[in-house]
Amino acid sequence: MIAHASHAGRPPAVRRRYHLHLPGVIYAAVAVFTAIGAINSQNNLLFWLFGVAVAGLILSGFVSGSALMGVQVEREPIAECAVGGTMVIRYSVRNRNRFIPACALTITESHADRRGRTPPTWAAHLPQPMAFVAHVGPRQVVHAEAVVSPTRRGEATFSRITVSSAFPFGLTRKSVTFEQPQGAIVHPSPAPVRPGLLRALGPQGDGSAAALRSAGVGGEYYGLREYAPGDSHRLIAWRASARTGQLVVRQTSRPAPRRLWIVLELEPRLGSDERADSLREEAVSLAAGVATAAFEQGYAVGLSLGAEGTRLAARSGRSALRALLTELALFDAPSVSHAGAQAAAPLPGRSDAFVVVSQRSEAGLTAPPGALRLSANEPGAWIASGAEPPARPPDGAARA
């Protein structure tokens, strides 16, 4: 995809370097041996070969270097994704040169940052992103993509983008680094829960006479409003219209969705027990799976983290699901706080449902009456038919 370049602000290039890698070292060594042979034998052909070798080395550095001096790379906003899914990192590559094209560009993310600054964390969440651009003409913009699969939930931060090229001969590599801090949220992968898992909690709607105090589609009377073009004639309140002298229509209320609280009980991290950490992540994934299934079945879902109290109030809709998954992705990051998190304890209603998710079945959190208890170490109680149970390290396994 190619477009004309605009005069937008250029990201600061923090470093420009030449890299003499193995092919260049071998080429330079052969050139030196050619020079020694030419001097010892005084053979004109060898002198010509040596001159051509030096010219090729200089030309390789000049072509790639001059082209990269006019290249700028910007990382586009990164969409949220889940562990095991697909993260697409898009780059906008602009060639500001008037006459020189840029060829064979490799774009990578840098692991390091400036001294005294926090290094980026993307390496802990996903493999090395890498994109390739074959050609960027003068005054053109090309878009490149790096596709990776995240391996760990949380916030993956990015800092520096490095674009390099060894064009045309592959002898010397020139690189330019741009600084562009950015972050991306990696949601936990929802566990494949059994479709009928939540049926034991009872009906999904609010069984009481209470209704949301907003207009909607339902059977209960809510109020009157002025007639608007497009309203059905069946909704016109003729008596009220006769009293007021203008057309008014009846409004009905929509029933409130039943609230479901997901109580996530996690054990504190002690040492480097790999099995305990694996169960912890499986419990978070199970909570994400239960939340996804509950939203799909029409529940208003809230999240409570055991003794820490409510983190998200019960809501329904896709935006609420996204906020809940984001909370599950970031809740144990010590430096993260974002809009939507709350500190109040849940206020359950008589018809509210509870699902308690823990790492082990022997967890001791007191559950409300009628709550559904699920544990990560007993997948047979909740995993969907045909899904593979998670593989875990043996008991007592320690991290290397």
Protein backbone atom coordinates (compact mmCIF):
# COMPACT_ATOMS: atom_id res chain seq x y z
CA MET A 1 0.00 0.00 0.00
CA ILE A 2 1.64 3.23 -1.17
CA ALA A 3 0.67 6.86 -0.63
CA HIS A 4 2.29 10.23 -1.01
CA ALA A 5 4.24 11.44 1.99
CA SER A 6 2.97 14.27 4.15
CA HIS A 7 4.99 16.79 6.09
CA ALA A 8 4.08 15.38 9.50
CA GLY A 9 6.47 15.70 12.44
CA ARG A 10 9.39 13.33 12.22
CA PRO A 11 10.04 10.98 15.16
CA PRO A 12 13.46 11.67 16.68
CA ALA A 13 16.21 9.37 15.44
CA VAL A 14 18.25 8.53 18.52
CA ARG A 15 21.06 6.56 16.88
CA ARG A 16 22.63 5.90 13.48
CA ARG A 17 25.14 3.11 13.10
CA TYR A 18 27.10 1.06 10.60
CA HIS A 19 27.41 -2.66 11.32
CA LEU A 20 30.17 -4.71 9.68
CA HIS A 21 28.70 -8.21 9.96
CA LEU A 22 30.19 -11.59 8.94
CA PRO A 23 29.77 -11.27 5.13
CA GLY A 24 31.41 -7.86 5.25
CA VAL A 25 34.29 -9.17 7.39
CA ILE A 26 34.93 -12.03 4.96
CA TYR A 27 34.75 -9.62 2.01
CA ALA A 28 37.19 -7.21 3.67
CA ALA A 29 39.60 -10.07 4.47
CA VAL A 30 39.57 -11.24 0.84
CA ALA A 31 40.20 -7.64 -0.28
CA VAL A 32 43.21 -7.41 2.05
CA PHE A 33 44.66 -10.68 0.73
CA THR A 34 44.13 -9.37 -2.81
CA ALA A 35 46.04 -6.21 -1.91
CA ILE A 36 48.93 -8.21 -0.42
CA GLY A 37 49.08 -10.40 -3.51
CA ALA A 38 49.02 -7.36 -5.78
CA ILE A 39 51.87 -5.66 -3.89
CA ASN A 40 54.03 -8.78 -3.81
CA SER A 41 53.50 -9.71 -7.47
CA GLN A 42 52.99 -6.22 -8.91
CA ASN A 43 50.20 -7.73 -11.02
CA ASN A 44 47.97 -5.07 -12.58
CA LEU A 45 44.96 -7.37 -12.64
CA LEU A 46 45.17 -7.87 -8.88
CA PHE A 47 45.42 -4.11 -8.38
CA TRP A 48 42.27 -3.73 -10.46
CA LEU A 49 40.51 -6.42 -8.42
CA PHE A 50 41.54 -4.74 -5.18
CA GLY A 51 40.19 -1.41 -6.42
CA VAL A 52 36.89 -3.00 -7.40
CA ALA A 53 36.65 -4.67 -3.98
CA VAL A 54 37.22 -1.38 -2.14
CA ALA A 55 34.73 0.39 -4.39
CA GLY A 56 32.11 -2.27 -3.69
CA LEU A 57 32.61 -1.92 0.06
CA ILE A 58 32.30 1.87 -0.07
CA LEU A 59 29.35 1.74 -2.45
CA SER A 60 27.50 -0.71 -0.21
CA GLY A 61 27.77 1.60 2.78
CA PHE A 62 27.00 4.74 0.81
CA VAL A 63 23.86 3.47 -0.91
CA SER A 64 22.20 2.04 2.21
CA GLY A 65 23.39 4.90 4.42
CA SER A 66 22.19 7.73 2.18
CA ALA A 67 18.83 6.02 1.68
CA LEU A 68 18.24 5.46 5.41
CA MET A 69 19.06 9.08 6.24
CA GLY A 70 15.75 10.06 4.67
CA VAL A 71 13.65 7.20 6.09
CA GLN A 72 11.36 7.61 9.06
CA VAL A 73 9.28 4.88 10.72
CA GLU A 74 6.23 5.31 12.94
CA ARG A 75 4.40 2.58 14.86
CA GLU A 76 0.63 2.77 14.58
CA PRO A 77 -1.66 2.18 17.60
CA ILE A 78 -1.71 -1.51 18.56
CA ALA A 79 -5.08 -3.17 19.11
CA GLU A 80 -5.76 -5.26 22.20
CA CYS A 81 -5.39 -9.02 21.79
CA ALA A 82 -5.33 -12.19 23.87
CA VAL A 83 -2.66 -14.70 24.81
CA GLY A 84 -2.30 -17.22 22.01
CA GLY A 85 -4.06 -14.90 19.57
CA THR A 86 -2.64 -12.65 16.90
CA MET A 87 -1.08 -9.26 17.53
CA VAL A 88 -0.54 -7.17 14.41
CA ILE A 89 1.98 -4.34 14.77
CA ARG A 90 1.73 -1.94 11.85
CA TYR A 91 4.46 0.46 10.80
CA SER A 92 4.27 3.48 8.54
CA VAL A 93 7.54 3.82 6.58
CA ARG A 94 8.08 7.19 4.90
CA ASN A 95 10.91 7.97 2.48
CA ARG A 96 11.65 11.69 2.57
CA ASN A 97 14.38 11.52 -0.09
CA ARG A 98 13.64 13.24 -3.38
CA PHE A 99 15.53 10.91 -5.67
CA ILE A 100 16.94 7.92 -3.71
CA PRO A 101 14.69 4.89 -3.05
CA ALA A 102 15.03 2.79 0.09
CA CYS A 103 15.27 -0.96 -0.48
CA ALA A 104 15.37 -4.14 1.62
CA LEU A 105 14.40 -2.54 4.95
CA THR A 106 14.13 -4.67 8.09
CA ILE A 107 12.11 -3.22 10.99
CA THR A 108 12.55 -4.59 14.51
CA GLU A 109 11.74 -3.56 18.09
CA SER A 110 14.66 -2.77 20.37
CA HIS A 111 15.07 -4.49 23.75
CA ALA A 112 17.08 -1.69 25.34
CA ASP A 113 16.34 1.90 26.28
CA ARG A 114 18.35 4.91 27.32
CA ARG A 115 20.30 4.70 30.54
CA GLY A 116 18.26 5.60 33.58
CA ARG A 117 14.95 4.76 31.92
CA THR A 118 12.76 1.70 32.39
CA PRO A 119 13.43 -0.81 29.59
CA PRO A 120 10.48 -1.96 27.45
CA THR A 121 8.60 -5.05 28.60
CA TRP A 122 7.42 -6.48 25.27
CA ALA A 123 10.06 -9.26 25.34
CA ALA A 124 8.30 -10.82 28.37
CA HIS A 125 4.95 -10.96 26.57
CA LEU A 126 5.65 -11.81 22.93
CA PRO A 127 8.41 -12.91 20.53
CA GLN A 128 10.57 -10.49 18.57
CA PRO A 129 8.39 -8.48 16.15
CA MET A 130 9.95 -8.13 12.70
CA ALA A 131 8.67 -6.57 9.49
CA PHE A 132 10.23 -6.32 6.03
CA VAL A 133 9.81 -3.70 3.31
CA ALA A 134 11.18 -4.47 -0.14
CA HIS A 135 11.02 -0.98 -1.66
CA VAL A 136 9.99 2.55 -0.71
CA GLY A 137 10.16 5.01 -3.58
CA PRO A 138 11.12 8.67 -3.19
CA ARG A 139 8.43 10.71 -1.41
CA GLN A 140 6.31 7.62 -0.76
CA VAL A 141 4.82 5.93 2.28
CA VAL A 142 4.63 2.15 2.67
CA HIS A 143 2.85 0.23 5.44
CA ALA A 144 4.43 -2.90 6.88
CA GLU A 145 3.16 -5.43 9.42
CA ALA A 146 4.79 -7.61 12.06
CA VAL A 147 2.52 -10.48 13.15
CA VAL A 148 3.28 -12.18 16.48
CA SER A 149 1.44 -14.40 18.97
CA PRO A 150 1.56 -13.12 22.59
CA THR A 151 2.55 -15.65 25.25
CA ARG A 152 1.82 -13.75 28.47
CA ARG A 153 -0.92 -11.41 29.66
CA GLY A 154 -0.25 -7.86 30.84
CA GLU A 155 0.93 -4.60 29.36
CA ALA A 156 3.62 -4.93 26.70
CA THR A 157 5.51 -1.67 26.40
CA PHE A 158 7.56 -0.65 23.38
CA SER A 159 10.25 1.99 23.23
CA ARG A 160 12.51 2.04 20.16
CA ILE A 161 12.06 1.05 16.53
CA THR A 162 15.15 0.07 14.56
CA VAL A 163 15.15 0.05 10.76
CA SER A 164 18.19 -1.40 9.00
CA SER A 165 19.33 -2.29 5.49
CA ALA A 166 22.31 -4.04 3.90
CA PHE A 167 21.31 -3.12 0.36
CA PRO A 168 22.74 -3.52 -2.28
CA PHE A 169 25.54 -6.07 -1.69
CA GLY A 170 24.90 -7.15 1.90
CA LEU A 171 28.42 -6.16 2.98
CA THR A 172 27.71 -3.36 5.45
CA ARG A 173 24.50 -2.82 7.39
CA LYS A 174 23.27 0.65 8.27
CA SER A 175 20.65 1.13 11.00
CA VAL A 176 18.61 4.06 12.26
CA THR A 177 16.72 3.93 15.57
CA PHE A 178 13.60 5.95 16.36
CA GLU A 179 12.22 6.48 19.84
CA GLN A 180 8.45 5.99 20.12
CA PRO A 181 7.15 4.84 23.54
CA GLN A 182 3.89 2.90 23.30
CA GLY A 183 1.98 0.18 25.10
CA ALA A 184 -0.38 -2.65 24.19
CA ILE A 185 -2.67 -4.71 26.41
CA VAL A 186 -2.52 -8.51 26.18
CA HIS A 187 -5.71 -10.02 27.59
CA PRO A 188 -5.75 -13.46 29.20
CA SER A 189 -6.93 -16.19 26.87
CA PRO A 190 -10.51 -17.15 27.86
CA ALA A 191 -10.62 -20.79 28.95
CA PRO A 192 -13.00 -23.02 26.92
CA VAL A 193 -15.77 -23.46 29.50
CA ARG A 194 -18.67 -25.87 29.05
CA PRO A 195 -21.71 -24.20 27.37
CA GLY A 196 -24.17 -25.16 30.12
CA LEU A 197 -21.86 -24.28 33.01
CA LEU A 198 -23.90 -21.29 34.21
CA ARG A 199 -27.31 -22.95 34.01
CA ALA A 200 -27.01 -24.09 37.61
CA LEU A 201 -27.16 -20.44 38.67
CA GLY A 202 -30.79 -20.09 37.58
CA PRO A 203 -32.49 -17.77 35.08
CA GLN A 204 -30.50 -15.00 33.43
CA GLY A 205 -33.10 -12.26 33.76
CA ASP A 206 -33.98 -10.41 36.95
CA GLY A 207 -36.73 -12.51 38.53
CA SER A 208 -38.00 -9.65 40.71
CA ALA A 209 -40.39 -6.91 39.64
CA ALA A 210 -37.53 -4.42 39.50
CA ALA A 211 -36.68 -2.94 36.13
CA LEU A 212 -34.03 -0.61 34.87
CA ARG A 213 -35.23 2.98 35.01
CA SER A 214 -34.72 3.55 31.32
CA ALA A 215 -36.85 3.12 28.26
CA GLY A 216 -36.56 -0.06 26.27
CA VAL A 217 -38.52 -2.96 24.87
CA GLY A 218 -40.52 -4.91 27.41
CA GLY A 219 -43.96 -5.52 28.80
CA GLU A 220 -44.05 -3.12 31.78
CA TYR A 221 -45.26 0.49 31.61
CA TYR A 222 -42.50 3.09 31.91
CA GLY A 223 -43.99 6.44 30.96
CA LEU A 224 -45.16 8.76 28.21
CA ARG A 225 -43.27 10.83 25.70
CA GLU A 226 -44.02 13.00 22.72
CA TYR A 227 -44.81 11.25 19.45
CA ALA A 228 -41.90 11.12 16.98
CA PRO A 229 -42.10 10.26 13.27
CA GLY A 230 -41.66 6.52 12.84
CA ASP A 231 -43.36 5.51 16.10
CA SER A 232 -45.94 2.76 15.78
CA HIS A 233 -49.56 3.94 15.94
CA ARG A 234 -50.23 1.10 18.37
CA LEU A 235 -48.13 2.88 20.99
CA ILE A 236 -50.16 6.12 20.89
CA ALA A 237 -51.91 6.85 24.20
CA TRP A 238 -55.16 8.30 22.84
CA ARG A 239 -56.67 9.39 26.16
CA ALA A 240 -53.50 11.13 27.28
CA SER A 241 -53.19 12.70 23.83
CA ALA A 242 -56.76 14.02 24.10
CA ARG A 243 -56.03 15.59 27.51
CA THR A 244 -52.79 17.27 26.45
CA GLY A 245 -53.81 18.23 22.96
CA GLN A 246 -50.80 16.60 21.29
CA LEU A 247 -49.84 13.07 20.40
CA VAL A 248 -47.96 11.11 23.07
CA VAL A 249 -46.85 7.48 23.02
CA ARG A 250 -46.43 4.87 25.74
CA GLN A 251 -42.97 3.69 26.71
CA THR A 252 -42.20 0.34 28.24
CA SER A 253 -39.24 -0.55 30.45
CA ARG A 254 -36.65 -3.15 29.67
CA PRO A 255 -36.00 -5.83 32.29
CA ALA A 256 -32.75 -5.57 34.18
CA PRO A 257 -30.17 -8.26 33.37
CA ARG A 258 -29.24 -10.46 36.25
CA ARG A 259 -25.94 -9.57 37.90
CA LEU A 260 -23.19 -12.15 38.11
CA TRP A 261 -20.12 -11.59 40.28
CA ILE A 262 -16.88 -13.36 39.44
CA VAL A 263 -14.83 -13.65 42.63
CA LEU A 264 -11.23 -14.42 41.74
CA GLU A 265 -9.27 -15.94 44.60
CA LEU A 266 -5.52 -16.16 43.97
CA GLU A 267 -2.78 -17.33 46.30
CA PRO A 268 0.15 -14.99 46.93
CA ARG A 269 3.33 -15.74 45.01
CA LEU A 270 5.83 -17.56 47.19
CA GLY A 271 9.27 -18.18 45.72
CA SER A 272 9.57 -19.50 42.20
CA ASP A 273 7.11 -22.40 42.15
CA GLU A 274 6.41 -22.87 38.46
CA ARG A 275 3.37 -25.09 39.04
CA ALA A 276 1.75 -22.51 41.35
CA ASP A 277 2.37 -19.77 38.79
CA SER A 278 0.88 -21.97 36.09
CA LEU A 279 -2.25 -22.58 38.18
CA ARG A 280 -2.48 -18.86 38.86
CA GLU A 281 -2.53 -18.04 35.15
CA GLU A 282 -5.02 -20.83 34.50
CA ALA A 283 -7.32 -19.37 37.17
CA VAL A 284 -7.15 -15.95 35.49
CA SER A 285 -7.86 -17.60 32.14
CA LEU A 286 -10.81 -19.47 33.71
CA ALA A 287 -12.22 -16.20 35.07
CA ALA A 288 -11.92 -14.69 31.59
CA GLY A 289 -13.71 -17.70 30.09
CA VAL A 290 -16.55 -17.50 32.62
CA ALA A 291 -16.90 -13.75 32.01
CA THR A 292 -17.04 -14.21 28.25
CA ALA A 293 -19.69 -16.91 28.54
CA ALA A 294 -21.72 -14.83 31.02
CA PHE A 295 -21.70 -11.76 28.77
CA GLU A 296 -22.80 -13.88 25.83
CA GLN A 297 -25.73 -15.20 27.90
CA GLY A 298 -26.93 -11.71 28.84
CA TYR A 299 -25.60 -11.32 32.38
CA ALA A 300 -24.30 -8.06 33.81
CA VAL A 301 -20.90 -9.18 35.07
CA GLY A 302 -18.82 -7.68 37.86
CA LEU A 303 -15.36 -8.62 39.09
CA SER A 304 -14.22 -9.01 42.69
CA LEU A 305 -10.69 -9.97 43.64
CA GLY A 306 -11.23 -11.82 46.91
CA ALA A 307 -10.17 -9.78 49.92
CA GLU A 308 -9.32 -6.76 47.73
CA GLY A 309 -13.00 -6.09 47.03
CA THR A 310 -14.72 -5.11 43.82
CA ARG A 311 -12.58 -3.97 40.93
CA LEU A 312 -15.35 -3.54 38.36
CA ALA A 313 -19.05 -2.98 38.95
CA ALA A 314 -21.49 -5.31 37.23
CA ARG A 315 -22.25 -4.12 33.69
CA SER A 316 -23.30 -5.64 30.40
CA GLY A 317 -22.19 -5.10 26.82
CA ARG A 318 -19.03 -5.50 24.75
CA SER A 319 -17.30 -2.47 26.27
CA ALA A 320 -17.87 -3.90 29.74
CA LEU A 321 -16.38 -7.24 28.68
CA ARG A 322 -13.34 -5.49 27.25
CA ALA A 323 -12.89 -3.50 30.49
CA LEU A 324 -13.14 -6.69 32.56
CA LEU A 325 -10.58 -8.53 30.43
CA THR A 326 -8.27 -5.53 30.69
CA GLU A 327 -8.62 -5.61 34.47
CA LEU A 328 -7.75 -9.31 34.50
CA ALA A 329 -4.72 -8.57 32.34
CA LEU A 330 -3.37 -5.81 34.60
CA PHE A 331 -4.66 -6.40 38.12
CA ASP A 332 -1.39 -7.76 39.57
CA ALA A 333 0.88 -5.21 37.89
CA PRO A 334 2.08 -3.03 40.81
CA SER A 335 2.40 0.20 38.80
CA VAL A 336 -0.85 -0.01 36.83
CA SER A 337 -4.08 1.77 37.65
CA HIS A 338 -6.73 2.76 35.18
CA ALA A 339 -10.22 4.15 34.93
CA GLY A 340 -12.99 1.74 35.87
CA ALA A 341 -11.34 0.09 38.87
CA GLN A 342 -13.23 0.52 42.15
CA ALA A 343 -12.41 -0.18 45.78
CA ALA A 344 -15.88 -0.74 47.22
CA ALA A 345 -17.06 -4.18 48.31
CA PRO A 346 -19.74 -5.77 46.12
CA LEU A 347 -23.33 -5.08 47.06
CA PRO A 348 -25.15 -8.29 46.10
CA GLY A 349 -28.86 -8.33 45.46
CA ARG A 350 -31.19 -11.17 46.29
CA SER A 351 -31.10 -12.46 42.72
CA ASP A 352 -27.36 -11.97 42.13
CA ALA A 353 -25.28 -14.98 41.12
CA PHE A 354 -21.72 -15.73 42.20
CA VAL A 355 -18.92 -17.72 40.59
CA VAL A 356 -15.84 -18.23 42.76
CA VAL A 357 -12.70 -19.03 40.77
CA SER A 358 -9.63 -20.28 42.63
CA GLN A 359 -6.33 -21.96 41.87
CA ARG A 360 -7.03 -25.08 43.93
CA SER A 361 -10.25 -26.75 45.01
CA GLU A 362 -9.20 -26.68 48.66
CA ALA A 363 -9.14 -22.87 48.75
CA GLY A 364 -10.75 -21.50 51.89
CA LEU A 365 -12.69 -18.42 50.73
CA THR A 366 -16.24 -18.40 52.09
CA ALA A 367 -18.64 -18.38 49.15
CA PRO A 368 -22.19 -16.95 49.21
CA PRO A 369 -25.04 -19.50 49.27
CA GLY A 370 -25.68 -20.98 45.86
CA ALA A 371 -22.34 -19.85 44.44
CA LEU A 372 -20.65 -21.92 41.79
CA ARG A 373 -17.10 -22.86 42.76
CA LEU A 374 -14.53 -23.56 40.04
CA SER A 375 -10.85 -24.35 40.46
CA ALA A 376 -8.03 -24.31 37.95
CA ASN A 377 -6.61 -27.64 39.14
CA GLU A 378 -9.88 -29.48 38.34
CA PRO A 379 -10.58 -28.69 34.68
CA GLY A 380 -12.92 -31.66 34.34
CA ALA A 381 -15.62 -29.69 36.18
CA TRP A 382 -15.72 -26.80 33.72
CA ILE A 383 -13.76 -27.49 30.53
CA ALA A 384 -15.70 -27.78 27.27
CA SER A 385 -16.08 -31.14 25.60
CA GLY A 386 -13.24 -31.85 23.18
CA ALA A 387 -10.94 -29.15 24.59
CA GLU A 388 -7.47 -30.12 25.72
CA PRO A 389 -6.77 -29.63 29.45
CA PRO A 390 -3.83 -27.29 30.14
CA ALA A 391 -0.40 -28.87 30.49
CA ARG A 392 1.30 -28.12 33.78
CA PRO A 393 4.81 -28.59 35.14
CA PRO A 394 5.24 -31.20 37.88
CA ASP A 395 4.81 -30.30 41.54
CA GLY A 396 7.73 -28.47 43.05
CA ALA A 397 9.21 -27.44 39.71
CA ALA A 398 11.27 -24.33 40.07
CA ARG A 399 12.15 -21.77 37.47
CA ALA A 400 15.54 -21.97 35.91
